[in-house]
Amino acid sequence: MQASDTQPFWHIIANPAARGGAVERQWPQIERLLQELGFAYTVQFTERRGHAARLVENALLKGGRFILGIGGDGSNHEIVHGIFSQQFVSPSEIFYAMLPFGTGNDWARQYGIPTDPRLRLKRLLEMKSVQQDIGLVKYQREGQTQSRYFVNVAGMAYDGFIGKKLTENPAHNKAHYLLKVVQYLREYKLSKARIIFDGQSVEDFFYTINIGLCRYSGGGMQFVPQSVPDDGLFALTFARKISKLEVLIQTPRFYNGSILQHSKIEGHQARSIRVEHIGNTPTLLEADGEFLGETPVEFEILEKALRVVL
């Protein structure tokens, strides 16, 4: 379809496998909506893990500046990483939107973006946008230093452990995810680490370490309720040594935003963060739900770097 002089031409990157294949099943209805509402667009479908970032490059090389993702938080993560890892176009020239079609849709929840396709696409026509901070994390994987951009929340310690387990054996829905979180809790062993942030250093056995740009992760959990997406700071939350029974008892706090009221859980805000393991056991890392690697890990922030179309 061709764009007019007054409307953007959207390059759609859709993950057909999102939410158990829901995008593939519902694509004909989504396409009818796009045409009914007068969108000018082209679409490409992802075929494998990591493909979305390559499709972003293709869209930008063709002159695209308006990117619409259709999928879940994993697709969102890959597309945003693609926007910032490519070398052809300044990210400041790119408008990014998401039609959330995943299991958790945590990043979309931050902005109140509707999951109903008609409501979402109608709102997209208004072209209201905000600018959000982006995180860059450097970590170790198979003995090499690698880096990754992320858009929502990174988790370490138990969160990284879960992320690795779910890479090997993915959850099919939110209930299945929560079941696995409890199941893997029995296997997890706390290891000692050091967190260095804005001139402070904390050493302890940590149950979890979360570094957030936005507020929600894990299907609506609020490990970083102090997050502000555009303040130039990471929200840092860490839980010291807590018994596994206590973790289960405190589960409601994960959802209601009161996690920082627990005596062994601290919340801070910081511009840069480094996490190192102490001893022989590395601390594992995931970002936006994707397992990445292990310590030593460094986080730096790109202030108001992503233009988000609401």
Protein backbone atom coordinates (compact mmCIF):
# COMPACT_ATOMS: atom_id res chain seq x y z
CA MET A 1 0.00 0.00 0.00
CA GLN A 2 1.16 3.56 -0.66
CA ALA A 3 1.36 6.36 1.89
CA SER A 4 -0.29 9.71 1.28
CA ASP A 5 1.40 13.03 1.97
CA THR A 6 -0.28 13.28 5.37
CA GLN A 7 0.06 9.83 6.90
CA PRO A 8 3.05 7.68 7.83
CA PHE A 9 3.96 4.52 5.97
CA TRP A 10 4.29 1.76 8.58
CA HIS A 11 6.77 -1.08 8.29
CA ILE A 12 5.09 -3.86 10.27
CA ILE A 13 7.21 -6.60 11.84
CA ALA A 14 4.92 -9.37 13.09
CA ASN A 15 5.75 -12.52 15.01
CA PRO A 16 3.28 -15.17 13.77
CA ALA A 17 4.14 -17.46 16.70
CA ALA A 18 3.28 -14.91 19.42
CA ARG A 19 0.82 -16.11 22.07
CA GLY A 20 0.82 -19.65 20.77
CA GLY A 21 0.30 -18.69 17.14
CA ALA A 22 -2.46 -16.12 17.76
CA VAL A 23 -0.89 -13.55 15.45
CA GLU A 24 -0.82 -16.00 12.56
CA ARG A 25 -4.44 -17.03 13.18
CA GLN A 26 -5.71 -13.47 13.53
CA TRP A 27 -3.62 -11.80 10.83
CA PRO A 28 -6.49 -11.73 8.27
CA GLN A 29 -8.67 -9.78 10.76
CA ILE A 30 -5.77 -7.47 11.66
CA GLU A 31 -5.13 -6.78 7.98
CA ARG A 32 -8.80 -5.97 7.40
CA LEU A 33 -8.64 -3.50 10.29
CA LEU A 34 -5.51 -1.86 8.88
CA GLN A 35 -7.22 -1.36 5.55
CA GLU A 36 -10.51 -0.24 7.06
CA LEU A 37 -8.74 2.39 9.15
CA GLY A 38 -6.71 3.63 6.17
CA PHE A 39 -3.23 2.55 7.22
CA ALA A 40 -0.45 2.63 4.66
CA TYR A 41 1.85 -0.29 5.40
CA THR A 42 3.96 -3.23 4.41
CA VAL A 43 4.45 -6.32 6.55
CA GLN A 44 7.23 -8.82 7.20
CA PHE A 45 6.90 -11.89 9.43
CA THR A 46 9.64 -13.16 11.70
CA GLU A 47 10.82 -16.71 11.06
CA ARG A 48 13.22 -17.40 13.95
CA ARG A 49 14.73 -15.95 17.11
CA GLY A 50 16.70 -12.79 16.33
CA HIS A 51 15.06 -12.31 12.91
CA ALA A 52 13.17 -9.16 13.98
CA ALA A 53 16.38 -7.14 14.36
CA ARG A 54 17.37 -8.00 10.78
CA LEU A 55 13.91 -7.01 9.52
CA VAL A 56 14.33 -3.63 11.24
CA GLU A 57 17.53 -3.08 9.27
CA ASN A 58 15.76 -4.03 6.03
CA ALA A 59 12.93 -1.59 6.74
CA LEU A 60 15.30 1.27 7.52
CA LEU A 61 17.41 0.63 4.43
CA LYS A 62 14.22 0.91 2.36
CA GLY A 63 13.60 4.36 3.84
CA GLY A 64 11.22 3.28 6.60
CA ARG A 65 11.04 5.45 9.70
CA PHE A 66 7.78 4.17 11.23
CA ILE A 67 8.07 0.67 12.76
CA LEU A 68 5.05 -1.22 14.10
CA GLY A 69 5.71 -4.43 15.99
CA ILE A 70 3.03 -7.09 16.45
CA GLY A 71 3.88 -9.68 19.08
CA GLY A 72 4.82 -10.10 22.71
CA ASP A 73 7.54 -8.76 24.98
CA GLY A 74 10.17 -10.92 23.25
CA SER A 75 9.34 -9.40 19.86
CA ASN A 76 9.33 -5.94 21.44
CA HIS A 77 12.79 -6.58 22.86
CA GLU A 78 14.19 -7.80 19.53
CA ILE A 79 12.77 -4.89 17.52
CA VAL A 80 14.06 -2.26 19.93
CA HIS A 81 17.48 -3.95 19.97
CA GLY A 82 17.38 -3.84 16.17
CA ILE A 83 16.59 -0.12 16.17
CA PHE A 84 19.61 0.67 18.34
CA SER A 85 22.13 -1.88 17.08
CA GLN A 86 21.86 -0.90 13.40
CA GLN A 87 24.29 1.68 11.98
CA PHE A 88 22.25 3.16 9.10
CA VAL A 89 19.77 5.57 10.69
CA SER A 90 19.84 7.58 13.90
CA PRO A 91 17.27 6.11 16.31
CA SER A 92 16.06 9.68 16.91
CA GLU A 93 14.53 9.61 13.40
CA ILE A 94 12.48 6.46 14.10
CA PHE A 95 8.91 6.26 15.40
CA TYR A 96 8.17 2.96 17.15
CA ALA A 97 4.78 1.46 18.04
CA MET A 98 3.61 -1.90 19.33
CA LEU A 99 0.41 -3.87 18.92
CA PRO A 100 0.76 -6.13 21.99
CA PHE A 101 -0.03 -9.76 21.21
CA GLY A 102 1.91 -11.67 23.82
CA THR A 103 1.31 -13.52 27.07
CA GLY A 104 2.50 -10.82 29.47
CA ASN A 105 2.52 -7.56 27.46
CA ASP A 106 4.40 -5.91 30.32
CA TRP A 107 5.95 -3.04 28.38
CA ALA A 108 2.59 -2.12 26.83
CA ARG A 109 1.04 -2.15 30.31
CA GLN A 110 3.37 0.69 31.32
CA TYR A 111 1.74 2.95 28.74
CA GLY A 112 -1.81 1.61 28.89
CA ILE A 113 -1.57 0.43 25.27
CA PRO A 114 -4.69 -1.62 24.46
CA THR A 115 -4.35 -5.29 23.53
CA ASP A 116 -7.56 -5.13 21.49
CA PRO A 117 -6.37 -4.64 17.87
CA ARG A 118 -9.15 -2.20 16.87
CA LEU A 119 -8.69 0.00 19.94
CA ARG A 120 -4.91 -0.09 19.57
CA LEU A 121 -4.88 0.79 15.86
CA LYS A 122 -7.45 3.57 16.26
CA ARG A 123 -5.30 5.14 18.98
CA LEU A 124 -2.23 4.76 16.79
CA LEU A 125 -3.84 7.06 14.21
CA GLU A 126 -3.55 9.92 16.71
CA MET A 127 0.28 9.71 16.48
CA LYS A 128 0.84 10.82 20.08
CA SER A 129 4.36 10.01 21.17
CA VAL A 130 6.69 10.10 24.16
CA GLN A 131 10.42 9.54 24.46
CA GLN A 132 11.74 6.74 26.65
CA ASP A 133 15.14 5.88 28.10
CA ILE A 134 16.85 2.74 26.77
CA GLY A 135 19.31 0.47 28.56
CA LEU A 136 22.55 -0.96 27.19
CA VAL A 137 23.87 -3.98 29.07
CA LYS A 138 27.31 -5.56 28.61
CA TYR A 139 27.75 -9.11 29.89
CA GLN A 140 29.69 -12.35 29.48
CA ARG A 141 28.58 -15.27 27.33
CA GLU A 142 30.73 -18.27 26.51
CA GLY A 143 33.85 -16.38 27.60
CA GLN A 144 33.17 -13.31 25.45
CA THR A 145 31.89 -9.83 26.25
CA GLN A 146 28.61 -9.14 24.47
CA SER A 147 26.12 -6.28 24.58
CA ARG A 148 22.39 -5.86 24.23
CA TYR A 149 19.89 -3.01 24.25
CA PHE A 150 16.74 -3.45 26.34
CA VAL A 151 13.53 -1.47 26.76
CA ASN A 152 11.82 -2.69 29.93
CA VAL A 153 13.35 -4.61 32.87
CA ALA A 154 16.50 -6.70 33.30
CA GLY A 155 16.67 -9.34 36.02
CA MET A 156 19.58 -11.10 37.67
CA ALA A 157 20.14 -13.85 40.23
CA TYR A 158 16.89 -15.87 40.43
CA ASP A 159 15.40 -13.91 37.52
CA GLY A 160 18.38 -14.82 35.34
CA PHE A 161 18.12 -18.43 36.49
CA ILE A 162 14.44 -18.55 35.48
CA GLY A 163 15.26 -16.86 32.17
CA LYS A 164 17.80 -19.57 31.35
CA LYS A 165 15.40 -22.35 32.35
CA LEU A 166 12.57 -20.90 30.23
CA THR A 167 14.89 -20.68 27.21
CA GLU A 168 15.35 -24.43 27.52
CA ASN A 169 11.66 -25.12 28.29
CA PRO A 170 9.34 -22.19 27.42
CA ALA A 171 6.09 -21.45 29.26
CA HIS A 172 2.89 -21.62 27.18
CA ASN A 173 0.81 -19.09 29.11
CA LYS A 174 0.80 -16.95 32.26
CA ALA A 175 -0.41 -19.76 34.55
CA HIS A 176 2.26 -22.10 33.17
CA TYR A 177 4.88 -19.36 33.72
CA LEU A 178 3.90 -18.92 37.38
CA LEU A 179 3.97 -22.68 37.90
CA LYS A 180 7.51 -22.82 36.55
CA VAL A 181 8.59 -19.86 38.72
CA VAL A 182 7.54 -21.83 41.82
CA GLN A 183 8.99 -25.08 40.49
CA TYR A 184 12.42 -23.58 39.76
CA LEU A 185 12.50 -21.87 43.15
CA ARG A 186 13.26 -25.29 44.69
CA GLU A 187 16.31 -25.70 42.44
CA TYR A 188 17.78 -22.21 42.86
CA LYS A 189 20.79 -21.66 45.12
CA LEU A 190 21.72 -18.13 46.14
CA SER A 191 25.24 -17.00 45.28
CA LYS A 192 27.18 -14.00 46.51
CA ALA A 193 27.51 -10.89 44.36
CA ARG A 194 28.57 -7.27 44.48
CA ILE A 195 26.38 -4.42 43.16
CA ILE A 196 28.13 -1.13 42.41
CA PHE A 197 25.93 1.85 41.59
CA ASP A 198 26.60 5.59 41.61
CA GLY A 199 29.46 5.39 44.09
CA GLN A 200 27.85 2.81 46.39
CA SER A 201 28.78 -0.86 46.73
CA VAL A 202 26.70 -3.64 48.29
CA GLU A 203 27.89 -7.23 48.81
CA ASP A 204 25.51 -10.01 49.82
CA PHE A 205 23.70 -13.18 48.81
CA PHE A 206 20.92 -11.87 46.58
CA TYR A 207 17.65 -13.59 45.83
CA THR A 208 16.95 -11.18 42.99
CA ILE A 209 18.38 -8.06 41.37
CA ASN A 210 16.20 -6.00 39.02
CA ILE A 211 17.22 -3.07 36.83
CA GLY A 212 14.21 -1.30 35.35
CA LEU A 213 13.32 1.38 32.86
CA CYS A 214 9.59 0.62 33.08
CA ARG A 215 7.50 -0.72 35.91
CA TYR A 216 6.16 -4.17 34.97
CA SER A 217 7.71 -7.56 34.19
CA GLY A 218 6.86 -11.25 34.54
CA GLY A 219 3.20 -10.80 33.58
CA GLY A 220 2.31 -7.80 35.72
CA MET A 221 4.81 -8.08 38.57
CA GLN A 222 6.28 -4.83 39.95
CA PHE A 223 9.85 -5.49 41.04
CA VAL A 224 10.81 -1.90 40.19
CA PRO A 225 7.76 0.17 41.20
CA GLN A 226 9.99 3.27 41.44
CA SER A 227 10.70 3.20 37.67
CA VAL A 228 10.14 6.33 35.58
CA PRO A 229 10.65 5.62 31.84
CA ASP A 230 12.11 9.03 30.95
CA ASP A 231 14.01 10.30 34.01
CA GLY A 232 17.51 9.28 32.86
CA LEU A 233 17.85 6.78 35.73
CA PHE A 234 17.59 3.04 36.18
CA ALA A 235 15.36 1.78 38.97
CA LEU A 236 17.41 -0.73 40.98
CA THR A 237 15.76 -3.22 43.34
CA PHE A 238 17.58 -6.01 45.14
CA ALA A 239 16.41 -8.62 47.62
CA ARG A 240 18.94 -9.96 50.09
CA LYS A 241 18.89 -13.50 51.47
CA ILE A 242 15.24 -14.53 51.89
CA SER A 243 13.94 -18.02 52.61
CA LYS A 244 12.05 -19.73 49.82
CA LEU A 245 8.96 -19.93 52.02
CA GLU A 246 9.17 -16.17 52.63
CA VAL A 247 9.38 -15.58 48.87
CA LEU A 248 6.10 -17.45 48.40
CA ILE A 249 4.44 -15.62 51.30
CA GLN A 250 5.47 -12.25 49.86
CA THR A 251 4.18 -13.01 46.34
CA PRO A 252 1.27 -10.48 46.60
CA ARG A 253 3.85 -7.71 47.04
CA PHE A 254 5.29 -8.56 43.61
CA TYR A 255 1.99 -7.51 42.05
CA ASN A 256 0.69 -4.66 44.22
CA GLY A 257 3.77 -2.44 44.10
CA SER A 258 4.61 -2.71 47.82
CA ILE A 259 7.74 -4.84 47.40
CA LEU A 260 10.04 -2.09 48.71
CA GLN A 261 8.27 -2.15 52.09
CA HIS A 262 9.91 -5.51 52.91
CA SER A 263 12.84 -5.18 55.32
CA LYS A 264 15.25 -7.21 53.14
CA ILE A 265 14.38 -5.51 49.85
CA GLU A 266 15.89 -2.18 48.81
CA GLY A 267 15.05 0.21 46.00
CA HIS A 268 17.36 2.82 44.50
CA GLN A 269 17.78 4.85 41.32
CA ALA A 270 21.08 5.06 39.48
CA ARG A 271 22.61 6.19 36.18
CA SER A 272 25.06 3.30 35.93
CA ILE A 273 25.20 -0.12 37.57
CA ARG A 274 27.76 -2.92 37.67
CA VAL A 275 27.18 -6.41 39.08
CA GLU A 276 30.04 -8.82 39.82
CA HIS A 277 29.97 -12.32 41.27
CA ILE A 278 31.99 -13.13 44.37
CA GLY A 279 33.40 -16.65 44.36
CA ASN A 280 33.13 -19.19 41.57
CA THR A 281 29.42 -19.02 40.71
CA PRO A 282 28.41 -16.35 38.16
CA THR A 283 25.19 -14.40 38.59
CA LEU A 284 22.88 -14.95 35.60
CA LEU A 285 21.22 -12.21 33.53
CA GLU A 286 18.01 -11.83 31.52
CA ALA A 287 16.59 -8.68 29.92
CA ASP A 288 12.99 -8.19 28.80
CA GLY A 289 12.48 -11.90 29.53
CA GLU A 290 15.33 -13.03 27.23
CA PHE A 291 18.24 -14.92 28.80
CA LEU A 292 21.53 -13.23 27.89
CA GLY A 293 24.50 -14.41 29.96
CA GLU A 294 26.31 -13.82 33.23
CA THR A 295 28.50 -11.54 35.34
CA PRO A 296 30.40 -9.32 35.25
CA VAL A 297 27.57 -7.14 33.94
CA GLU A 298 27.47 -3.39 33.31
CA PHE A 299 24.42 -1.22 32.64
CA GLU A 300 24.39 2.21 31.04
CA ILE A 301 21.44 4.37 30.12
CA LEU A 302 20.55 6.17 26.87
CA GLU A 303 18.37 9.05 27.94
CA LYS A 304 15.08 9.61 26.06
CA ALA A 305 16.49 7.65 23.11
CA LEU A 306 13.36 5.85 21.86
CA ARG A 307 10.35 7.66 20.39
CA VAL A 308 7.29 5.61 21.37
CA VAL A 309 3.99 6.16 19.56
CA LEU A 310 1.23 5.64 22.08
